[in-house]
């Protein structure tokens, strides 16, 4: 008779079927985790590429706009702005995400806040923008 829980654990034996079932469960779980790690790593690479391109487009927007044809100018404006309105002689607009977060970033700490926000709150949104970047603007 076992005297304590440790003795009981040594006395109890699992069957071959129990072992096989548990081994299958653990192998399935290991495969799931490996897949999630792989997806995360791919997403991280895609995110970095997309964010670098978005920052490049934002920093070169004036140059891109000036050298573009009319249709490309429309595409660039639609990509970066929403709710464009002309009220008299005043243009009103809203910047699309993540460009709205890039405005007035003058020092290192404010860019860190921007990076934190796009990596956490807007990660999926930034990834989705990758396929919508105007092709002419993507070229460096």
Protein backbone atom coordinates (compact mmCIF):
# COMPACT_ATOMS: atom_id res chain seq x y z
CA UNK A 1 0.00 0.00 0.00
CA UNK A 2 1.41 3.44 -0.94
CA UNK A 3 2.29 5.61 2.05
CA UNK A 4 2.21 9.03 0.27
CA UNK A 5 1.38 10.55 -3.09
CA UNK A 6 4.88 9.97 -4.40
CA UNK A 7 4.64 6.24 -3.61
CA UNK A 8 1.23 6.16 -5.27
CA UNK A 9 2.66 7.73 -8.45
CA UNK A 10 5.34 5.05 -8.61
CA UNK A 11 2.85 2.24 -8.05
CA UNK A 12 0.43 3.35 -10.75
CA UNK A 13 1.39 2.27 -14.25
CA UNK A 14 -0.16 3.52 -17.47
CA UNK A 15 -1.23 1.18 -20.18
CA UNK A 16 0.34 1.12 -23.63
CA UNK A 17 -2.90 2.55 -25.06
CA UNK A 18 -2.83 5.46 -22.57
CA UNK A 19 0.81 6.11 -23.43
CA UNK A 20 0.13 6.05 -27.19
CA UNK A 21 -2.89 8.35 -26.83
CA UNK A 22 -0.92 10.86 -24.75
CA UNK A 23 2.05 10.68 -27.13
CA UNK A 24 -0.29 11.44 -30.09
CA UNK A 25 -1.85 14.37 -28.22
CA UNK A 26 1.57 15.81 -27.41
CA UNK A 27 2.80 15.35 -31.00
CA UNK A 28 -0.33 17.11 -32.34
CA UNK A 29 0.20 19.96 -29.92
CA UNK A 30 3.87 20.19 -30.90
CA UNK A 31 2.87 20.39 -34.59
CA UNK A 32 0.30 23.12 -33.83
CA UNK A 33 2.89 25.17 -31.96
CA UNK A 34 5.48 24.78 -34.73
CA UNK A 35 2.90 25.96 -37.29
CA UNK A 36 1.98 28.99 -35.17
CA UNK A 37 5.67 29.91 -34.75
CA UNK A 38 6.19 29.64 -38.52
CA UNK A 39 3.13 31.82 -39.22
CA UNK A 40 4.29 34.37 -36.68
CA UNK A 41 7.76 34.56 -38.21
CA UNK A 42 6.31 35.01 -41.71
CA UNK A 43 3.92 37.67 -40.45
CA UNK A 44 6.77 39.49 -38.73
CA UNK A 45 8.76 39.61 -41.99
CA UNK A 46 5.74 40.76 -43.99
CA UNK A 47 4.96 43.37 -41.34
CA UNK A 48 8.49 44.77 -41.37
CA UNK A 49 8.57 44.98 -45.18
CA UNK A 50 5.17 46.64 -45.33
CA UNK A 51 5.98 49.14 -42.58
CA UNK A 52 9.30 50.06 -44.20
CA UNK A 53 7.49 50.64 -47.50
CA UNK A 54 4.77 52.71 -45.83
CA UNK A 55 7.34 54.93 -44.10
CA UNK A 56 9.22 55.30 -47.37
CA UNK A 57 6.03 56.26 -49.23
CA UNK A 58 5.12 58.76 -46.52
CA UNK A 59 8.58 60.37 -46.52
CA UNK A 60 8.61 60.63 -50.34
CA UNK A 61 4.93 61.49 -50.83
CA UNK A 62 5.55 65.00 -52.17
CA UNK A 63 8.19 63.77 -54.62
CA UNK A 64 6.01 60.84 -55.73
CA UNK A 65 3.04 63.14 -56.20
CA UNK A 66 5.02 65.67 -58.26
CA UNK A 67 6.45 63.12 -60.70
CA UNK A 68 3.28 61.06 -61.07
CA UNK A 69 0.65 61.06 -63.78
CA UNK A 70 -2.89 62.14 -62.93
CA UNK A 71 -4.20 58.62 -62.30
CA UNK A 72 -1.23 57.82 -60.06
CA UNK A 73 -1.80 61.06 -58.13
CA UNK A 74 -5.40 60.02 -57.51
CA UNK A 75 -4.25 56.58 -56.39
CA UNK A 76 -1.69 58.06 -53.99
CA UNK A 77 -4.21 60.54 -52.55
CA UNK A 78 -6.80 57.79 -52.06
CA UNK A 79 -4.19 55.59 -50.40
CA UNK A 80 -3.03 58.19 -47.88
CA UNK A 81 -6.17 60.30 -47.27
CA UNK A 82 -9.82 59.78 -46.54
CA UNK A 83 -12.69 62.26 -46.38
CA UNK A 84 -11.15 64.84 -48.71
CA UNK A 85 -13.42 67.90 -48.85
CA UNK A 86 -12.99 71.34 -50.31
CA UNK A 87 -14.82 73.98 -48.27
CA UNK A 88 -14.32 77.24 -50.06
CA UNK A 89 -10.57 77.57 -50.36
CA UNK A 90 -9.83 75.19 -47.50
CA UNK A 91 -9.03 71.52 -48.06
CA UNK A 92 -10.22 69.31 -45.21
CA UNK A 93 -8.97 65.76 -44.89
CA UNK A 94 -8.27 62.80 -42.64
CA UNK A 95 -5.15 60.70 -42.95
CA UNK A 96 -5.63 56.97 -43.26
CA UNK A 97 -4.00 54.60 -40.80
CA UNK A 98 -1.04 54.37 -40.14
CA UNK A 99 -0.23 57.73 -41.75
CA UNK A 100 -2.31 59.43 -39.08
CA UNK A 101 0.20 58.19 -36.52
CA UNK A 102 3.19 59.56 -38.48
CA UNK A 103 2.16 63.21 -38.30
CA UNK A 104 4.32 65.52 -36.19
CA UNK A 105 6.83 62.87 -35.15
CA UNK A 106 9.90 64.96 -34.42
CA UNK A 107 11.85 63.11 -31.77
CA UNK A 108 12.97 59.58 -31.05
CA UNK A 109 10.52 58.92 -28.24
CA UNK A 110 7.51 59.89 -30.34
CA UNK A 111 8.61 57.44 -33.05
CA UNK A 112 8.92 54.73 -30.41
CA UNK A 113 5.30 55.38 -29.47
CA UNK A 114 4.35 55.13 -33.15
CA UNK A 115 6.18 51.81 -33.55
CA UNK A 116 4.59 50.42 -30.41
CA UNK A 117 1.11 51.32 -31.66
CA UNK A 118 1.55 49.85 -35.15
CA UNK A 119 3.14 46.67 -33.75
CA UNK A 120 0.40 46.07 -31.21
CA UNK A 121 -2.87 47.82 -31.92
CA UNK A 122 -2.62 48.09 -35.71
CA UNK A 123 -0.46 45.08 -36.63
CA UNK A 124 -3.11 43.33 -38.75
CA UNK A 125 -4.16 46.60 -40.37
CA UNK A 126 -0.59 47.37 -41.45
CA UNK A 127 -0.18 43.86 -42.86
CA UNK A 128 -3.37 44.28 -44.88
CA UNK A 129 -2.07 47.53 -46.38
CA UNK A 130 0.85 45.69 -47.98
CA UNK A 131 -1.26 44.58 -50.92
CA UNK A 132 -2.78 48.05 -51.38
CA UNK A 133 0.42 50.11 -51.65
CA UNK A 134 0.37 51.81 -55.07
CA UNK A 135 2.85 49.93 -57.27
CA UNK A 136 4.53 53.09 -58.59
CA UNK A 137 5.08 54.27 -55.00
CA UNK A 138 6.65 50.98 -53.89
CA UNK A 139 9.74 51.43 -56.07
CA UNK A 140 12.61 53.06 -54.22
